[in-house]
Amino acid sequence: MVKILIDLSKEEDKIVEVYKLVNNLKTKQEAIKRMVKYFEVEIKPKNLKKNEEYYKKSLKF
């Protein structure tokens, strides 16, 4: 489990609040958890040489 503290602007807070209400959720935390599922992430190491064993293994992950 990971806990993250997010400092939302007023506009961002309103967006989360609307999403929460539209989806009948109880907390903003639940809303943010659902909202995060709409994004796709690709992780690439930037400070490793591409021929290093760790880099090769991470690409297979």
C-alpha atoms as a PDB file:
ATOM      1  CA  MET A   1       0.000   0.000   0.000  1.00  0.00           C
ATOM      2  CA  VAL A   2       1.212   3.460  -0.858  1.00  0.00           C
ATOM      3  CA  LYS A   3      -0.077   6.663   0.669  1.00  0.00           C
ATOM      4  CA  ILE A   4       0.393   9.855  -1.281  1.00  0.00           C
ATOM      5  CA  LEU A   5      -0.273  13.398  -0.126  1.00  0.00           C
ATOM      6  CA  ILE A   6      -1.590  15.469  -3.036  1.00  0.00           C
ATOM      7  CA  ASP A   7      -1.883  19.239  -2.874  1.00  0.00           C
ATOM      8  CA  LEU A   8      -4.741  20.041  -5.270  1.00  0.00           C
ATOM      9  CA  SER A   9      -5.514  23.475  -6.625  1.00  0.00           C
ATOM     10  CA  LYS A  10      -9.059  24.780  -6.204  1.00  0.00           C
ATOM     11  CA  GLU A  11      -9.888  23.801  -9.792  1.00  0.00           C
ATOM     12  CA  GLU A  12      -8.460  20.290  -9.390  1.00  0.00           C
ATOM     13  CA  ASP A  13     -10.320  19.868  -6.116  1.00  0.00           C
ATOM     14  CA  LYS A  14     -13.587  20.797  -7.839  1.00  0.00           C
ATOM     15  CA  ILE A  15     -12.948  18.247 -10.596  1.00  0.00           C
ATOM     16  CA  VAL A  16     -12.358  15.498  -8.037  1.00  0.00           C
ATOM     17  CA  GLU A  17     -15.445  16.557  -6.082  1.00  0.00           C
ATOM     18  CA  VAL A  18     -17.643  16.446  -9.203  1.00  0.00           C
ATOM     19  CA  TYR A  19     -16.255  13.025 -10.164  1.00  0.00           C
ATOM     20  CA  LYS A  20     -16.986  11.815  -6.637  1.00  0.00           C
ATOM     21  CA  LEU A  21     -20.591  13.035  -6.741  1.00  0.00           C
ATOM     22  CA  VAL A  22     -21.316  11.765 -10.268  1.00  0.00           C
ATOM     23  CA  ASN A  23     -20.053   8.286  -9.394  1.00  0.00           C
ATOM     24  CA  ASN A  24     -21.740   8.141  -5.956  1.00  0.00           C
ATOM     25  CA  LEU A  25     -18.440   7.712  -4.107  1.00  0.00           C
ATOM     26  CA  LYS A  26     -18.001   8.466  -0.407  1.00  0.00           C
ATOM     27  CA  THR A  27     -14.552  10.066  -0.390  1.00  0.00           C
ATOM     28  CA  LYS A  28     -12.249  12.041  -2.654  1.00  0.00           C
ATOM     29  CA  GLN A  29      -9.658   9.329  -2.079  1.00  0.00           C
ATOM     30  CA  GLU A  30     -11.942   6.802  -3.795  1.00  0.00           C
ATOM     31  CA  ALA A  31     -12.498   9.247  -6.656  1.00  0.00           C
ATOM     32  CA  ILE A  32      -8.772   9.789  -7.191  1.00  0.00           C
ATOM     33  CA  LYS A  33      -8.120   6.029  -7.084  1.00  0.00           C
ATOM     34  CA  ARG A  34     -10.661   5.514  -9.872  1.00  0.00           C
ATOM     35  CA  MET A  35      -9.414   8.487 -11.878  1.00  0.00           C
ATOM     36  CA  VAL A  36      -5.855   7.158 -11.849  1.00  0.00           C
ATOM     37  CA  LYS A  37      -6.991   3.997 -13.640  1.00  0.00           C
ATOM     38  CA  TYR A  38      -7.626   6.037 -16.805  1.00  0.00           C
ATOM     39  CA  PHE A  39      -3.897   6.677 -17.300  1.00  0.00           C
ATOM     40  CA  GLU A  40      -1.218   4.471 -18.781  1.00  0.00           C
ATOM     41  CA  VAL A  41       2.352   4.713 -17.559  1.00  0.00           C
ATOM     42  CA  GLU A  42       5.583   3.638 -19.177  1.00  0.00           C
ATOM     43  CA  ILE A  43       8.696   3.515 -17.013  1.00  0.00           C
ATOM     44  CA  LYS A  44      12.099   3.874 -18.650  1.00  0.00           C
ATOM     45  CA  PRO A  45      15.383   4.196 -16.772  1.00  0.00           C
ATOM     46  CA  LYS A  46      17.246   7.313 -17.872  1.00  0.00           C
ATOM     47  CA  ASN A  47      20.607   7.054 -16.102  1.00  0.00           C
ATOM     48  CA  LEU A  48      21.535   3.497 -17.040  1.00  0.00           C
ATOM     49  CA  LYS A  49      23.547   2.310 -19.983  1.00  0.00           C
ATOM     50  CA  LYS A  50      21.359   0.324 -22.331  1.00  0.00           C
ATOM     51  CA  ASN A  51      23.747  -2.625 -22.353  1.00  0.00           C
ATOM     52  CA  GLU A  52      23.622  -3.091 -18.570  1.00  0.00           C
ATOM     53  CA  GLU A  53      22.006  -6.285 -17.339  1.00  0.00           C
ATOM     54  CA  TYR A  54      19.547  -4.418 -15.093  1.00  0.00           C
ATOM     55  CA  TYR A  55      18.216  -2.445 -18.040  1.00  0.00           C
ATOM     56  CA  LYS A  56      17.722  -5.582 -20.114  1.00  0.00           C
ATOM     57  CA  LYS A  57      15.816  -7.262 -17.256  1.00  0.00           C
ATOM     58  CA  SER A  58      13.615  -4.212 -16.666  1.00  0.00           C
ATOM     59  CA  LEU A  59      12.485  -4.221 -20.284  1.00  0.00           C
ATOM     60  CA  LYS A  60      11.226  -7.793 -19.845  1.00  0.00           C
ATOM     61  CA  PHE A  61       9.171  -6.754 -16.813  1.00  0.00           C
END
